[in-house]
Amino acid sequence: MKTILLISLLSSALLLQACVHKVVTVPAKIAYKTTKGVIKGTVAVGKAIIPGDSDDDDDDKKK
């Protein structure tokens, strides 16, 4: 009886470990993708607002 209890306890622990891994990694991936998109948008807005020539124009003139 104790061996069946021990086996069921170990197998349930292994199954729950996969669930916990999924619960932790999915929100982290969503937060990473959201933050990456916000930063890209902020950089694009900053480049559009700041006056002056871009570096790409200077590179074309030198060639």
N, C-alpha and C. Protein backbone atom coordinates (compact mmCIF):
# COMPACT_ATOMS: atom_id res chain seq x y z
N MET A 1 0.82 -1.19 0.00
CA MET A 1 0.00 0.00 0.00
C MET A 1 0.87 1.26 0.00
N LYS A 2 1.95 1.24 0.75
CA LYS A 2 2.82 2.42 0.81
C LYS A 2 3.55 2.64 -0.50
N THR A 3 3.87 1.56 -1.22
CA THR A 3 4.57 1.74 -2.49
C THR A 3 3.66 2.40 -3.53
N ILE A 4 2.39 2.04 -3.53
CA ILE A 4 1.45 2.66 -4.47
C ILE A 4 1.28 4.14 -4.14
N LEU A 5 1.23 4.47 -2.87
CA LEU A 5 1.11 5.86 -2.45
C LEU A 5 2.36 6.65 -2.84
N LEU A 6 3.51 6.05 -2.67
CA LEU A 6 4.76 6.71 -3.02
C LEU A 6 4.86 6.93 -4.53
N ILE A 7 4.50 5.94 -5.30
CA ILE A 7 4.55 6.05 -6.76
C ILE A 7 3.57 7.11 -7.25
N SER A 8 2.37 7.13 -6.71
CA SER A 8 1.39 8.13 -7.13
C SER A 8 1.82 9.54 -6.71
N LEU A 9 2.43 9.66 -5.56
CA LEU A 9 2.93 10.96 -5.11
C LEU A 9 4.04 11.47 -6.03
N LEU A 10 4.97 10.62 -6.37
CA LEU A 10 6.07 11.03 -7.26
C LEU A 10 5.57 11.37 -8.66
N SER A 11 4.66 10.56 -9.19
CA SER A 11 4.15 10.83 -10.54
C SER A 11 3.34 12.12 -10.57
N SER A 12 2.56 12.39 -9.55
CA SER A 12 1.78 13.64 -9.52
C SER A 12 2.71 14.84 -9.37
N ALA A 13 3.79 14.68 -8.62
CA ALA A 13 4.74 15.78 -8.48
C ALA A 13 5.41 16.09 -9.82
N LEU A 14 5.73 15.08 -10.59
CA LEU A 14 6.33 15.31 -11.90
C LEU A 14 5.36 15.98 -12.86
N LEU A 15 4.10 15.57 -12.81
CA LEU A 15 3.10 16.18 -13.68
C LEU A 15 2.85 17.64 -13.30
N LEU A 16 2.80 17.92 -12.01
CA LEU A 16 2.58 19.30 -11.57
C LEU A 16 3.78 20.19 -11.88
N GLN A 17 4.94 19.61 -11.94
CA GLN A 17 6.13 20.39 -12.26
C GLN A 17 6.02 20.98 -13.67
N ALA A 18 5.49 20.22 -14.60
CA ALA A 18 5.30 20.72 -15.96
C ALA A 18 4.28 21.84 -15.98
N CYS A 19 3.23 21.73 -15.19
CA CYS A 19 2.21 22.78 -15.13
C CYS A 19 2.78 24.07 -14.55
N VAL A 20 3.57 23.96 -13.50
CA VAL A 20 4.16 25.13 -12.88
C VAL A 20 5.11 25.81 -13.85
N HIS A 21 5.88 25.03 -14.60
CA HIS A 21 6.79 25.59 -15.60
C HIS A 21 6.01 26.40 -16.62
N LYS A 22 4.89 25.87 -17.07
CA LYS A 22 4.07 26.56 -18.07
C LYS A 22 3.47 27.84 -17.49
N VAL A 23 3.02 27.78 -16.26
CA VAL A 23 2.41 28.95 -15.62
C VAL A 23 3.43 30.07 -15.44
N VAL A 24 4.68 29.73 -15.22
CA VAL A 24 5.71 30.75 -15.00
C VAL A 24 6.22 31.31 -16.32
N THR A 25 6.44 30.49 -17.32
CA THR A 25 7.08 30.96 -18.55
C THR A 25 6.14 31.71 -19.48
N VAL A 26 4.88 31.36 -19.54
CA VAL A 26 3.96 32.02 -20.47
C VAL A 26 3.80 33.50 -20.15
N PRO A 27 3.52 33.90 -18.91
CA PRO A 27 3.43 35.34 -18.63
C PRO A 27 4.74 36.08 -18.86
N ALA A 28 5.86 35.42 -18.61
CA ALA A 28 7.16 36.07 -18.84
C ALA A 28 7.37 36.34 -20.33
N LYS A 29 6.98 35.41 -21.18
CA LYS A 29 7.10 35.60 -22.62
C LYS A 29 6.19 36.71 -23.11
N ILE A 30 4.97 36.78 -22.57
CA ILE A 30 4.03 37.83 -22.97
C ILE A 30 4.56 39.20 -22.54
N ALA A 31 5.09 39.28 -21.33
CA ALA A 31 5.64 40.56 -20.85
C ALA A 31 6.84 40.98 -21.69
N TYR A 32 7.67 40.04 -22.08
CA TYR A 32 8.84 40.36 -22.91
C TYR A 32 8.41 40.90 -24.27
N LYS A 33 7.46 40.23 -24.91
CA LYS A 33 7.02 40.68 -26.24
C LYS A 33 6.34 42.04 -26.16
N THR A 34 5.54 42.27 -25.12
CA THR A 34 4.86 43.56 -24.97
C THR A 34 5.87 44.67 -24.74
N THR A 35 6.83 44.43 -23.88
CA THR A 35 7.84 45.45 -23.59
C THR A 35 8.68 45.75 -24.82
N LYS A 36 9.02 44.72 -25.58
CA LYS A 36 9.81 44.92 -26.79
C LYS A 36 9.05 45.79 -27.79
N GLY A 37 7.74 45.57 -27.93
CA GLY A 37 6.94 46.37 -28.84
C GLY A 37 6.82 47.81 -28.38
N VAL A 38 6.67 48.02 -27.09
CA VAL A 38 6.57 49.38 -26.56
C VAL A 38 7.87 50.14 -26.76
N ILE A 39 8.98 49.48 -26.54
CA ILE A 39 10.29 50.15 -26.71
C ILE A 39 10.52 50.50 -28.18
N LYS A 40 10.18 49.61 -29.09
CA LYS A 40 10.35 49.91 -30.51
C LYS A 40 9.48 51.09 -30.92
N GLY A 41 8.26 51.14 -30.40
CA GLY A 41 7.37 52.27 -30.71
C GLY A 41 7.90 53.57 -30.14
N THR A 42 8.44 53.53 -28.94
CA THR A 42 8.99 54.73 -28.33
C THR A 42 10.20 55.23 -29.11
N VAL A 43 11.04 54.35 -29.56
CA VAL A 43 12.21 54.74 -30.35
C VAL A 43 11.77 55.36 -31.67
N ALA A 44 10.76 54.79 -32.31
CA ALA A 44 10.28 55.32 -33.58
C ALA A 44 9.70 56.72 -33.39
N VAL A 45 8.94 56.91 -32.33
CA VAL A 45 8.37 58.24 -32.07
C VAL A 45 9.47 59.23 -31.75
N GLY A 46 10.45 58.81 -31.00
CA GLY A 46 11.57 59.69 -30.67
C GLY A 46 12.35 60.11 -31.90
N LYS A 47 12.55 59.20 -32.82
CA LYS A 47 13.25 59.54 -34.06
C LYS A 47 12.43 60.48 -34.93
N ALA A 48 11.11 60.35 -34.91
CA ALA A 48 10.26 61.21 -35.72
C ALA A 48 10.17 62.61 -35.13
N ILE A 49 10.24 62.73 -33.80
CA ILE A 49 10.07 64.04 -33.16
C ILE A 49 11.36 64.85 -33.15
N ILE A 50 12.47 64.20 -32.92
CA ILE A 50 13.75 64.91 -32.79
C ILE A 50 14.15 65.48 -34.15
N PRO A 51 14.34 66.80 -34.22
CA PRO A 51 14.72 67.42 -35.50
C PRO A 51 16.18 67.13 -35.85
N GLY A 52 16.48 67.26 -37.11
CA GLY A 52 17.85 67.07 -37.56
C GLY A 52 17.94 65.98 -38.60
N ASP A 53 19.10 65.89 -39.20
CA ASP A 53 19.32 64.88 -40.23
C ASP A 53 19.58 63.54 -39.59
N SER A 54 19.22 62.49 -40.29
CA SER A 54 19.52 61.15 -39.78
C SER A 54 20.93 60.76 -40.21
N ASP A 55 21.47 59.76 -39.58
CA ASP A 55 22.82 59.29 -39.92
C ASP A 55 22.87 58.64 -41.28
N ASP A 56 21.75 58.13 -41.75
CA ASP A 56 21.73 57.45 -43.05
C ASP A 56 22.02 58.43 -44.19
N ASP A 57 21.53 59.66 -44.07
CA ASP A 57 21.79 60.65 -45.11
C ASP A 57 23.27 60.98 -45.20
N ASP A 58 23.93 61.10 -44.07
CA ASP A 58 25.35 61.39 -44.05
C ASP A 58 26.17 60.26 -44.67
N ASP A 59 25.76 59.04 -44.44
CA ASP A 59 26.49 57.90 -45.00
C ASP A 59 26.38 57.89 -46.53
N ASP A 60 25.24 58.26 -47.07
CA ASP A 60 25.07 58.28 -48.53
C ASP A 60 25.91 59.36 -49.18
N LYS A 61 26.08 60.48 -48.53
CA LYS A 61 26.87 61.57 -49.08
C LYS A 61 28.35 61.24 -49.12
N LYS A 62 28.83 60.47 -48.16
CA LYS A 62 30.26 60.14 -48.10
C LYS A 62 30.65 59.16 -49.20
N LYS A 63 29.72 58.37 -49.67
CA LYS A 63 30.05 57.34 -50.67
C LYS A 63 30.07 57.92 -52.01
